[in-house]
Protein backbone atom coordinates (compact mmCIF):
# COMPACT_ATOMS: atom_id res chain seq x y z
CA UNK A 1 0.00 0.00 0.00
CA UNK A 2 1.36 3.43 -0.90
CA UNK A 3 0.09 6.64 0.68
CA UNK A 4 1.00 10.05 -0.75
CA UNK A 5 1.22 12.46 2.17
CA UNK A 6 0.32 16.14 1.78
CA UNK A 7 -1.11 18.96 3.87
CA UNK A 8 -4.66 17.60 3.71
CA UNK A 9 -3.86 14.15 5.12
CA UNK A 10 -0.54 14.41 7.03
CA UNK A 11 -2.42 14.01 10.34
CA UNK A 12 -4.02 10.71 9.29
CA UNK A 13 -1.00 8.39 9.16
CA UNK A 14 -2.16 6.32 12.12
CA UNK A 15 -5.60 5.91 10.55
CA UNK A 16 -3.91 4.84 7.30
CA UNK A 17 -1.78 2.26 9.15
CA UNK A 18 -4.85 0.79 10.86
CA UNK A 19 -6.61 0.55 7.49
CA UNK A 20 -3.57 -1.16 5.98
CA UNK A 21 -3.57 -3.71 8.81
CA UNK A 22 -7.29 -4.32 8.43
CA UNK A 23 -7.00 -5.11 4.71
CA UNK A 24 -3.96 -7.34 5.16
CA UNK A 25 -1.28 -5.23 3.49
CA UNK A 26 2.18 -6.78 3.66
CA UNK A 27 4.10 -3.56 3.03
CA UNK A 28 3.36 0.14 3.59
CA UNK A 29 5.02 3.09 1.94
CA UNK A 30 4.41 6.69 2.96
CA UNK A 31 5.54 9.03 0.25
CA UNK A 32 5.75 12.83 0.59
CA UNK A 33 3.97 14.67 -2.19
CA UNK A 34 6.14 15.91 -5.05
CA UNK A 35 5.10 19.39 -5.94
CA UNK A 36 4.74 21.22 -9.19
CA UNK A 37 2.78 24.34 -10.06
CA UNK A 38 -0.49 22.44 -10.37
CA UNK A 39 -0.47 21.07 -6.84
CA UNK A 40 1.58 23.64 -4.94
CA UNK A 41 -1.35 24.08 -2.57
CA UNK A 42 -0.60 20.63 -1.08
CA UNK A 43 2.82 21.67 0.23
CA UNK A 44 3.83 20.49 3.70
CA UNK A 45 5.30 22.89 6.25
CA UNK A 46 7.72 22.24 9.12
CA UNK A 47 4.85 21.68 11.58
CA UNK A 48 3.39 19.01 9.30
CA UNK A 49 6.79 17.31 9.10
CA UNK A 50 7.02 17.20 12.91
CA UNK A 51 3.54 15.69 13.13
CA UNK A 52 4.51 13.01 10.60
CA UNK A 53 7.72 12.19 12.47
CA UNK A 54 5.80 11.82 15.74
CA UNK A 55 3.16 9.63 14.12
CA UNK A 56 5.83 7.37 12.62
CA UNK A 57 7.22 6.73 16.10
CA UNK A 58 3.86 5.19 17.02
CA UNK A 59 3.10 3.58 13.66
CA UNK A 60 6.39 1.74 13.22
CA UNK A 61 5.96 -0.66 16.17
CA UNK A 62 2.26 -1.14 15.34
CA UNK A 63 3.04 -2.18 11.78
CA UNK A 64 5.84 -4.45 12.91
CA UNK A 65 3.50 -6.13 15.40
CA UNK A 66 1.03 -6.74 12.56
CA UNK A 67 3.76 -8.21 10.33
CA UNK A 68 3.68 -5.27 7.92
CA UNK A 69 6.93 -3.91 6.51
CA UNK A 70 7.31 -0.12 6.68
CA UNK A 71 9.34 1.05 3.70
CA UNK A 72 12.07 3.23 5.14
CA UNK A 73 12.10 5.73 2.26
CA UNK A 74 9.96 8.06 4.37
CA UNK A 75 12.82 8.80 6.78
CA UNK A 76 15.08 9.92 3.92
CA UNK A 77 12.30 12.07 2.51
CA UNK A 78 11.57 13.71 5.86
CA UNK A 79 15.24 14.45 6.41
CA UNK A 80 15.57 16.05 2.98
CA UNK A 81 12.16 17.72 2.53
CA UNK A 82 12.51 21.35 1.56
CA UNK A 83 9.63 23.29 3.12
PDB file of N, CA and C in Angstrom:
ATOM      1  N   UNK A   1       0.853  -1.158   0.000  1.00  0.00           N
ATOM      2  CA  UNK A   1       0.000   0.000   0.000  1.00  0.00           C
ATOM      3  C   UNK A   1       0.907   1.230   0.000  1.00  0.00           C
ATOM      4  N   UNK A   2       0.610   2.172  -0.852  1.00  0.00           N
ATOM      5  CA  UNK A   2       1.356   3.433  -0.901  1.00  0.00           C
ATOM      6  C   UNK A   2       0.412   4.572  -0.575  1.00  0.00           C
ATOM      7  N   UNK A   3       0.854   5.445   0.307  1.00  0.00           N
ATOM      8  CA  UNK A   3       0.087   6.638   0.681  1.00  0.00           C
ATOM      9  C   UNK A   3       0.913   7.868   0.328  1.00  0.00           C
ATOM     10  N   UNK A   4       0.344   8.774  -0.437  1.00  0.00           N
ATOM     11  CA  UNK A   4       0.996  10.047  -0.746  1.00  0.00           C
ATOM     12  C   UNK A   4       0.548  11.036   0.319  1.00  0.00           C
ATOM     13  N   UNK A   5       1.509  11.588   1.038  1.00  0.00           N
ATOM     14  CA  UNK A   5       1.220  12.458   2.172  1.00  0.00           C
ATOM     15  C   UNK A   5       1.358  13.919   1.749  1.00  0.00           C
ATOM     16  N   UNK A   6       0.345  14.707   2.091  1.00  0.00           N
ATOM     17  CA  UNK A   6       0.321  16.139   1.781  1.00  0.00           C
ATOM     18  C   UNK A   6      -0.377  16.862   2.926  1.00  0.00           C
ATOM     19  N   UNK A   7      -0.591  18.171   2.752  1.00  0.00           N
ATOM     20  CA  UNK A   7      -1.108  18.963   3.871  1.00  0.00           C
ATOM     21  C   UNK A   7      -2.582  18.706   4.193  1.00  0.00           C
ATOM     22  N   UNK A   8      -3.265  17.924   3.410  1.00  0.00           N
ATOM     23  CA  UNK A   8      -4.655  17.598   3.712  1.00  0.00           C
ATOM     24  C   UNK A   8      -4.802  16.280   4.468  1.00  0.00           C
ATOM     25  N   UNK A   9      -3.742  15.456   4.464  1.00  0.00           N
ATOM     26  CA  UNK A   9      -3.863  14.145   5.123  1.00  0.00           C
ATOM     27  C   UNK A   9      -2.686  13.795   6.045  1.00  0.00           C
ATOM     28  N   UNK A  10      -1.738  14.699   6.236  1.00  0.00           N
ATOM     29  CA  UNK A  10      -0.536  14.412   7.032  1.00  0.00           C
ATOM     30  C   UNK A  10      -0.876  13.943   8.447  1.00  0.00           C
ATOM     31  N   UNK A  11      -2.012  14.347   8.974  1.00  0.00           N
ATOM     32  CA  UNK A  11      -2.417  14.014  10.339  1.00  0.00           C
ATOM     33  C   UNK A  11      -3.153  12.670  10.422  1.00  0.00           C
ATOM     34  N   UNK A  12      -3.263  11.950   9.328  1.00  0.00           N
ATOM     35  CA  UNK A  12      -4.025  10.707   9.287  1.00  0.00           C
ATOM     36  C   UNK A  12      -3.159   9.452   9.111  1.00  0.00           C
ATOM     37  N   UNK A  13      -1.871   9.538   9.369  1.00  0.00           N
ATOM     38  CA  UNK A  13      -0.998   8.389   9.163  1.00  0.00           C
ATOM     39  C   UNK A  13      -1.398   7.189  10.016  1.00  0.00           C
ATOM     40  N   UNK A  14      -1.767   7.436  11.253  1.00  0.00           N
ATOM     41  CA  UNK A  14      -2.161   6.318  12.116  1.00  0.00           C
ATOM     42  C   UNK A  14      -3.438   5.661  11.594  1.00  0.00           C
ATOM     43  N   UNK A  15      -4.361   6.447  11.134  1.00  0.00           N
ATOM     44  CA  UNK A  15      -5.595   5.908  10.548  1.00  0.00           C
ATOM     45  C   UNK A  15      -5.260   5.082   9.307  1.00  0.00           C
ATOM     46  N   UNK A  16      -4.328   5.562   8.497  1.00  0.00           N
ATOM     47  CA  UNK A  16      -3.913   4.836   7.298  1.00  0.00           C
ATOM     48  C   UNK A  16      -3.291   3.489   7.676  1.00  0.00           C
ATOM     49  N   UNK A  17      -2.442   3.502   8.711  1.00  0.00           N
ATOM     50  CA  UNK A  17      -1.785   2.265   9.147  1.00  0.00           C
ATOM     51  C   UNK A  17      -2.802   1.248   9.648  1.00  0.00           C
ATOM     52  N   UNK A  18      -3.811   1.715  10.380  1.00  0.00           N
ATOM     53  CA  UNK A  18      -4.853   0.790  10.862  1.00  0.00           C
ATOM     54  C   UNK A  18      -5.637   0.203   9.684  1.00  0.00           C
ATOM     55  N   UNK A  19      -5.920   1.034   8.683  1.00  0.00           N
ATOM     56  CA  UNK A  19      -6.610   0.549   7.493  1.00  0.00           C
ATOM     57  C   UNK A  19      -5.764  -0.504   6.783  1.00  0.00           C
ATOM     58  N   UNK A  20      -4.467  -0.211   6.635  1.00  0.00           N
ATOM     59  CA  UNK A  20      -3.565  -1.155   5.976  1.00  0.00           C
ATOM     60  C   UNK A  20      -3.563  -2.501   6.691  1.00  0.00           C
ATOM     61  N   UNK A  21      -3.546  -2.460   8.032  1.00  0.00           N
ATOM     62  CA  UNK A  21      -3.569  -3.710   8.807  1.00  0.00           C
ATOM     63  C   UNK A  21      -4.894  -4.437   8.609  1.00  0.00           C
ATOM     64  N   UNK A  22      -5.977  -3.687   8.540  1.00  0.00           N
ATOM     65  CA  UNK A  22      -7.288  -4.323   8.427  1.00  0.00           C
ATOM     66  C   UNK A  22      -7.503  -4.988   7.069  1.00  0.00           C
ATOM     67  N   UNK A  23      -6.837  -4.500   6.034  1.00  0.00           N
ATOM     68  CA  UNK A  23      -7.004  -5.111   4.711  1.00  0.00           C
ATOM     69  C   UNK A  23      -5.920  -6.138   4.400  1.00  0.00           C
ATOM     70  N   UNK A  24      -4.972  -6.302   5.332  1.00  0.00           N
ATOM     71  CA  UNK A  24      -3.958  -7.340   5.161  1.00  0.00           C
ATOM     72  C   UNK A  24      -2.778  -6.949   4.291  1.00  0.00           C
ATOM     73  N   UNK A  25      -2.454  -5.663   4.259  1.00  0.00           N
ATOM     74  CA  UNK A  25      -1.277  -5.230   3.487  1.00  0.00           C
ATOM     75  C   UNK A  25      -0.020  -5.888   4.052  1.00  0.00           C
ATOM     76  N   UNK A  26       0.927  -6.198   3.190  1.00  0.00           N
ATOM     77  CA  UNK A  26       2.181  -6.778   3.663  1.00  0.00           C
ATOM     78  C   UNK A  26       3.307  -5.749   3.716  1.00  0.00           C
ATOM     79  N   UNK A  27       3.089  -4.608   3.071  1.00  0.00           N
ATOM     80  CA  UNK A  27       4.103  -3.556   3.032  1.00  0.00           C
ATOM     81  C   UNK A  27       3.388  -2.206   2.915  1.00  0.00           C
ATOM     82  N   UNK A  28       3.928  -1.204   3.625  1.00  0.00           N
ATOM     83  CA  UNK A  28       3.355   0.143   3.594  1.00  0.00           C
ATOM     84  C   UNK A  28       4.453   1.128   3.222  1.00  0.00           C
ATOM     85  N   UNK A  29       4.085   2.044   2.345  1.00  0.00           N
ATOM     86  CA  UNK A  29       5.016   3.091   1.940  1.00  0.00           C
ATOM     87  C   UNK A  29       4.306   4.436   2.064  1.00  0.00           C
ATOM     88  N   UNK A  30       4.873   5.314   2.883  1.00  0.00           N
ATOM     89  CA  UNK A  30       4.411   6.688   2.963  1.00  0.00           C
ATOM     90  C   UNK A  30       5.346   7.520   2.102  1.00  0.00           C
ATOM     91  N   UNK A  31       4.761   8.292   1.235  1.00  0.00           N
ATOM     92  CA  UNK A  31       5.536   9.035   0.245  1.00  0.00           C
ATOM     93  C   UNK A  31       5.123  10.501   0.307  1.00  0.00           C
ATOM     94  N   UNK A  32       6.074  11.405   0.541  1.00  0.00           N
ATOM     95  CA  UNK A  32       5.751  12.826   0.594  1.00  0.00           C
ATOM     96  C   UNK A  32       5.454  13.339  -0.805  1.00  0.00           C
ATOM     97  N   UNK A  33       4.423  14.153  -0.910  1.00  0.00           N
ATOM     98  CA  UNK A  33       3.969  14.673  -2.192  1.00  0.00           C
ATOM     99  C   UNK A  33       5.110  15.406  -2.915  1.00  0.00           C
ATOM    100  N   UNK A  34       5.201  15.168  -4.209  1.00  0.00           N
ATOM    101  CA  UNK A  34       6.137  15.911  -5.054  1.00  0.00           C
ATOM    102  C   UNK A  34       5.354  17.049  -5.684  1.00  0.00           C
ATOM    103  N   UNK A  35       5.868  18.227  -5.534  1.00  0.00           N
ATOM    104  CA  UNK A  35       5.104  19.394  -5.939  1.00  0.00           C
ATOM    105  C   UNK A  35       5.513  19.941  -7.298  1.00  0.00           C
ATOM    106  N   UNK A  36       4.524  20.404  -8.005  1.00  0.00           N
ATOM    107  CA  UNK A  36       4.742  21.221  -9.187  1.00  0.00           C
ATOM    108  C   UNK A  36       3.716  22.353  -9.113  1.00  0.00           C
ATOM    109  N   UNK A  37       3.672  23.187 -10.109  1.00  0.00           N
ATOM    110  CA  UNK A  37       2.779  24.343 -10.063  1.00  0.00           C
ATOM    111  C   UNK A  37       1.315  23.954  -9.873  1.00  0.00           C
ATOM    112  N   UNK A  38       0.917  22.841 -10.425  1.00  0.00           N
ATOM    113  CA  UNK A  38      -0.487  22.440 -10.373  1.00  0.00           C
ATOM    114  C   UNK A  38      -0.968  22.003  -8.998  1.00  0.00           C
ATOM    115  N   UNK A  39      -0.062  21.532  -8.164  1.00  0.00           N
ATOM    116  CA  UNK A  39      -0.473  21.067  -6.841  1.00  0.00           C
ATOM    117  C   UNK A  39       0.324  21.731  -5.715  1.00  0.00           C
ATOM    118  N   UNK A  40       0.807  22.914  -5.949  1.00  0.00           N
ATOM    119  CA  UNK A  40       1.582  23.636  -4.938  1.00  0.00           C
ATOM    120  C   UNK A  40       0.788  23.863  -3.656  1.00  0.00           C
ATOM    121  N   UNK A  41      -0.516  23.859  -3.749  1.00  0.00           N
ATOM    122  CA  UNK A  41      -1.355  24.077  -2.574  1.00  0.00           C
ATOM    123  C   UNK A  41      -1.293  22.914  -1.579  1.00  0.00           C
ATOM    124  N   UNK A  42      -0.699  21.798  -1.956  1.00  0.00           N
ATOM    125  CA  UNK A  42      -0.598  20.626  -1.079  1.00  0.00           C
ATOM    126  C   UNK A  42       0.710  20.584  -0.287  1.00  0.00           C
ATOM    127  N   UNK A  43       1.498  21.625  -0.392  1.00  0.00           N
ATOM    128  CA  UNK A  43       2.821  21.673   0.234  1.00  0.00           C
ATOM    129  C   UNK A  43       2.752  21.486   1.749  1.00  0.00           C
ATOM    130  N   UNK A  44       3.683  20.705   2.260  1.00  0.00           N
ATOM    131  CA  UNK A  44       3.829  20.493   3.702  1.00  0.00           C
ATOM    132  C   UNK A  44       4.688  21.593   4.307  1.00  0.00           C
ATOM    133  N   UNK A  45       4.432  21.934   5.562  1.00  0.00           N
ATOM    134  CA  UNK A  45       5.298  22.889   6.254  1.00  0.00           C
ATOM    135  C   UNK A  45       6.042  22.165   7.378  1.00  0.00           C
ATOM    136  N   UNK A  46       6.888  22.877   8.093  1.00  0.00           N
ATOM    137  CA  UNK A  46       7.722  22.241   9.120  1.00  0.00           C
ATOM    138  C   UNK A  46       6.882  21.650  10.249  1.00  0.00           C
ATOM    139  N   UNK A  47       5.745  22.243  10.566  1.00  0.00           N
ATOM    140  CA  UNK A  47       4.851  21.681  11.575  1.00  0.00           C
ATOM    141  C   UNK A  47       4.259  20.357  11.132  1.00  0.00           C
ATOM    142  N   UNK A  48       3.909  20.263   9.857  1.00  0.00           N
ATOM    143  CA  UNK A  48       3.391  19.013   9.301  1.00  0.00           C
ATOM    144  C   UNK A  48       4.459  17.919   9.398  1.00  0.00           C
ATOM    145  N   UNK A  49       5.677  18.286   9.067  1.00  0.00           N
ATOM    146  CA  UNK A  49       6.785  17.313   9.101  1.00  0.00           C
ATOM    147  C   UNK A  49       6.958  16.769  10.516  1.00  0.00           C
ATOM    148  N   UNK A  50       6.890  17.636  11.517  1.00  0.00           N
ATOM    149  CA  UNK A  50       7.021  17.202  12.913  1.00  0.00           C
ATOM    150  C   UNK A  50       5.891  16.234  13.288  1.00  0.00           C
ATOM    151  N   UNK A  51       4.681  16.546  12.853  1.00  0.00           N
ATOM    152  CA  UNK A  51       3.541  15.685  13.128  1.00  0.00           C
ATOM    153  C   UNK A  51       3.739  14.306  12.499  1.00  0.00           C
ATOM    154  N   UNK A  52       4.249  14.279  11.286  1.00  0.00           N
ATOM    155  CA  UNK A  52       4.513  13.015  10.595  1.00  0.00           C
ATOM    156  C   UNK A  52       5.572  12.216  11.341  1.00  0.00           C
ATOM    157  N   UNK A  53       6.645  12.876  11.741  1.00  0.00           N
ATOM    158  CA  UNK A  53       7.717  12.189  12.469  1.00  0.00           C
ATOM    159  C   UNK A  53       7.200  11.577  13.767  1.00  0.00           C
ATOM    160  N   UNK A  54       6.372  12.313  14.484  1.00  0.00           N
ATOM    161  CA  UNK A  54       5.805  11.815  15.741  1.00  0.00           C
ATOM    162  C   UNK A  54       4.884  10.629  15.484  1.00  0.00           C
ATOM    163  N   UNK A  55       4.061  10.731  14.454  1.00  0.00           N
ATOM    164  CA  UNK A  55       3.156   9.628  14.119  1.00  0.00           C
ATOM    165  C   UNK A  55       3.940   8.378  13.752  1.00  0.00           C
ATOM    166  N   UNK A  56       5.029   8.530  13.029  1.00  0.00           N
ATOM    167  CA  UNK A  56       5.833   7.374  12.623  1.00  0.00           C
ATOM    168  C   UNK A  56       6.419   6.639  13.822  1.00  0.00           C
ATOM    169  N   UNK A  57       6.711   7.368  14.896  1.00  0.00           N
ATOM    170  CA  UNK A  57       7.225   6.731  16.105  1.00  0.00           C
ATOM    171  C   UNK A  57       6.206   5.760  16.688  1.00  0.00           C
ATOM    172  N   UNK A  58       4.918   6.069  16.527  1.00  0.00           N
ATOM    173  CA  UNK A  58       3.863   5.190  17.017  1.00  0.00           C
ATOM    174  C   UNK A  58       3.499   4.118  15.990  1.00  0.00           C
ATOM    175  N   UNK A  59       3.522   4.486  14.728  1.00  0.00           N
ATOM    176  CA  UNK A  59       3.104   3.579  13.661  1.00  0.00           C
ATOM    177  C   UNK A  59       4.092   2.438  13.446  1.00  0.00           C
ATOM    178  N   UNK A  60       5.364   2.749  13.511  1.00  0.00           N
ATOM    179  CA  UNK A  60       6.390   1.744  13.216  1.00  0.00           C
ATOM    180  C   UNK A  60       6.236   0.475  14.053  1.00  0.00           C
ATOM    181  N   UNK A  61       6.130   0.578  15.385  1.00  0.00           N
ATOM    182  CA  UNK A  61       5.955  -0.658  16.166  1.00  0.00           C
ATOM    183  C   UNK A  61       4.609  -1.339  15.903  1.00  0.00           C
ATOM    184  N   UNK A  62       3.573  -0.564  15.650  1.00  0.00           N
ATOM    185  CA  UNK A  62       2.258  -1.139  15.344  1.00  0.00           C
ATOM    186  C   UNK A  62       2.331  -1.994  14.077  1.00  0.00           C
ATOM    187  N   UNK A  63       2.929  -1.437  13.031  1.00  0.00           N
ATOM    188  CA  UNK A  63       3.041  -2.176  11.778  1.00  0.00           C
ATOM    189  C   UNK A  63       3.883  -3.441  11.957  1.00  0.00           C
ATOM    190  N   UNK A  64       4.975  -3.297  12.676  1.00  0.00           N
ATOM    191  CA  UNK A  64       5.843  -4.453  12.914  1.00  0.00           C
ATOM    192  C   UNK A  64       5.079  -5.556  13.645  1.00  0.00           C
ATOM    193  N   UNK A  65       4.301  -5.163  14.646  1.00  0.00           N
ATOM    194  CA  UNK A  65       3.495  -6.130  15.401  1.00  0.00           C
ATOM    195  C   UNK A  65       2.496  -6.853  14.498  1.00  0.00           C
ATOM    196  N   UNK A  66       2.007  -6.165  13.484  1.00  0.00           N
ATOM    197  CA  UNK A  66       1.034  -6.739  12.558  1.00  0.00           C
ATOM    198  C   UNK A  66       1.693  -7.480  11.394  1.00  0.00           C
ATOM    199  N   UNK A  67       3.040  -7.515  11.387  1.00  0.00           N
ATOM    200  CA  UNK A  67       3.760  -8.209  10.326  1.00  0.00           C
ATOM    201  C   UNK A  67       3.802  -7.447   9.019  1.00  0.00           C
ATOM    202  N   UNK A  68       3.682  -6.126   9.112  1.00  0.00           N
ATOM    203  CA  UNK A  68       3.677  -5.271   7.923  1.00  0.00           C
ATOM    204  C   UNK A  68       4.999  -4.514   7.850  1.00  0.00           C
ATOM    205  N   UNK A  69       5.659  -4.605   6.709  1.00  0.00           N
ATOM    206  CA  UNK A  69       6.931  -3.912   6.515  1.00  0.00           C
ATOM    207  C   UNK A  69       6.679  -2.434   6.216  1.00  0.00           C
ATOM    208  N   UNK A  70       7.351  -1.561   6.948  1.00  0.00           N
ATOM    209  CA  UNK A  70       7.305  -0.124   6.680  1.00  0.00           C
ATOM    210  C   UNK A  70       8.509   0.223   5.814  1.00  0.00           C
ATOM    211  N   UNK A  71       8.252   0.629   4.583  1.00  0.00           N
ATOM    212  CA  UNK A  71       9.339   1.046   3.696  1.00  0.00           C
ATOM    213  C   UNK A  71      10.035   2.247   4.318  1.00  0.00           C
ATOM    214  N   UNK A  72      11.338   2.191   4.428  1.00  0.00           N
ATOM    215  CA  UNK A  72      12.071   3.229   5.140  1.00  0.00           C
ATOM    216  C   UNK A  72      12.373   4.478   4.310  1.00  0.00           C
ATOM    217  N   UNK A  73      11.883   4.548   3.091  1.00  0.00           N
ATOM    218  CA  UNK A  73      12.104   5.726   2.261  1.00  0.00           C
ATOM    219  C   UNK A  73      11.579   7.003   2.916  1.00  0.00           C
ATOM    220  N   UNK A  74      10.576   6.893   3.766  1.00  0.00           N
ATOM    221  CA  UNK A  74       9.960   8.062   4.372  1.00  0.00           C
ATOM    222  C   UNK A  74      10.949   8.826   5.249  1.00  0.00           C
ATOM    223  N   UNK A  75      11.856   8.128   5.904  1.00  0.00           N
ATOM    224  CA  UNK A  75      12.816   8.803   6.777  1.00  0.00           C
ATOM    225  C   UNK A  75      13.795   9.651   5.961  1.00  0.00           C
ATOM    226  N   UNK A  76      14.219   9.151   4.823  1.00  0.00           N
ATOM    227  CA  UNK A  76      15.077   9.919   3.924  1.00  0.00           C
ATOM    228  C   UNK A  76      14.333  11.152   3.414  1.00  0.00           C
ATOM    229  N   UNK A  77      13.089  10.958   3.023  1.00  0.00           N
ATOM    230  CA  UNK A  77      12.296  12.072   2.506  1.00  0.00           C
ATOM    231  C   UNK A  77      12.084  13.140   3.572  1.00  0.00           C
ATOM    232  N   UNK A  78      11.780  12.738   4.779  1.00  0.00           N
ATOM    233  CA  UNK A  78      11.570  13.708   5.855  1.00  0.00           C
ATOM    234  C   UNK A  78      12.850  14.495   6.136  1.00  0.00           C
ATOM    235  N   UNK A  79      13.960  13.798   6.140  1.00  0.00           N
ATOM    236  CA  UNK A  79      15.241  14.448   6.412  1.00  0.00           C
ATOM    237  C   UNK A  79      15.597  15.465   5.330  1.00  0.00           C
ATOM    238  N   UNK A  80      15.165  15.210   4.112  1.00  0.00           N
ATOM    239  CA  UNK A  80      15.568  16.050   2.976  1.00  0.00           C
ATOM    240  C   UNK A  80      14.442  16.897   2.389  1.00  0.00           C
ATOM    241  N   UNK A  81      13.295  16.932   3.055  1.00  0.00           N
ATOM    242  CA  UNK A  81      12.164  17.715   2.535  1.00  0.00           C
ATOM    243  C   UNK A  81      12.461  19.200   2.660  1.00  0.00           C
ATOM    244  N   UNK A  82      12.252  19.914   1.595  1.00  0.00           N
ATOM    245  CA  UNK A  82      12.513  21.347   1.563  1.00  0.00           C
ATOM    246  C   UNK A  82      11.197  22.096   1.694  1.00  0.00           C
ATOM    247  N   UNK A  83      10.898  22.577   2.914  1.00  0.00           N
ATOM    248  CA  UNK A  83       9.634  23.290   3.119  1.00  0.00           C
ATOM    249  C   UNK A  83       9.696  24.685   2.539  1.00  0.00           C
TER     250      UNK A  83
END
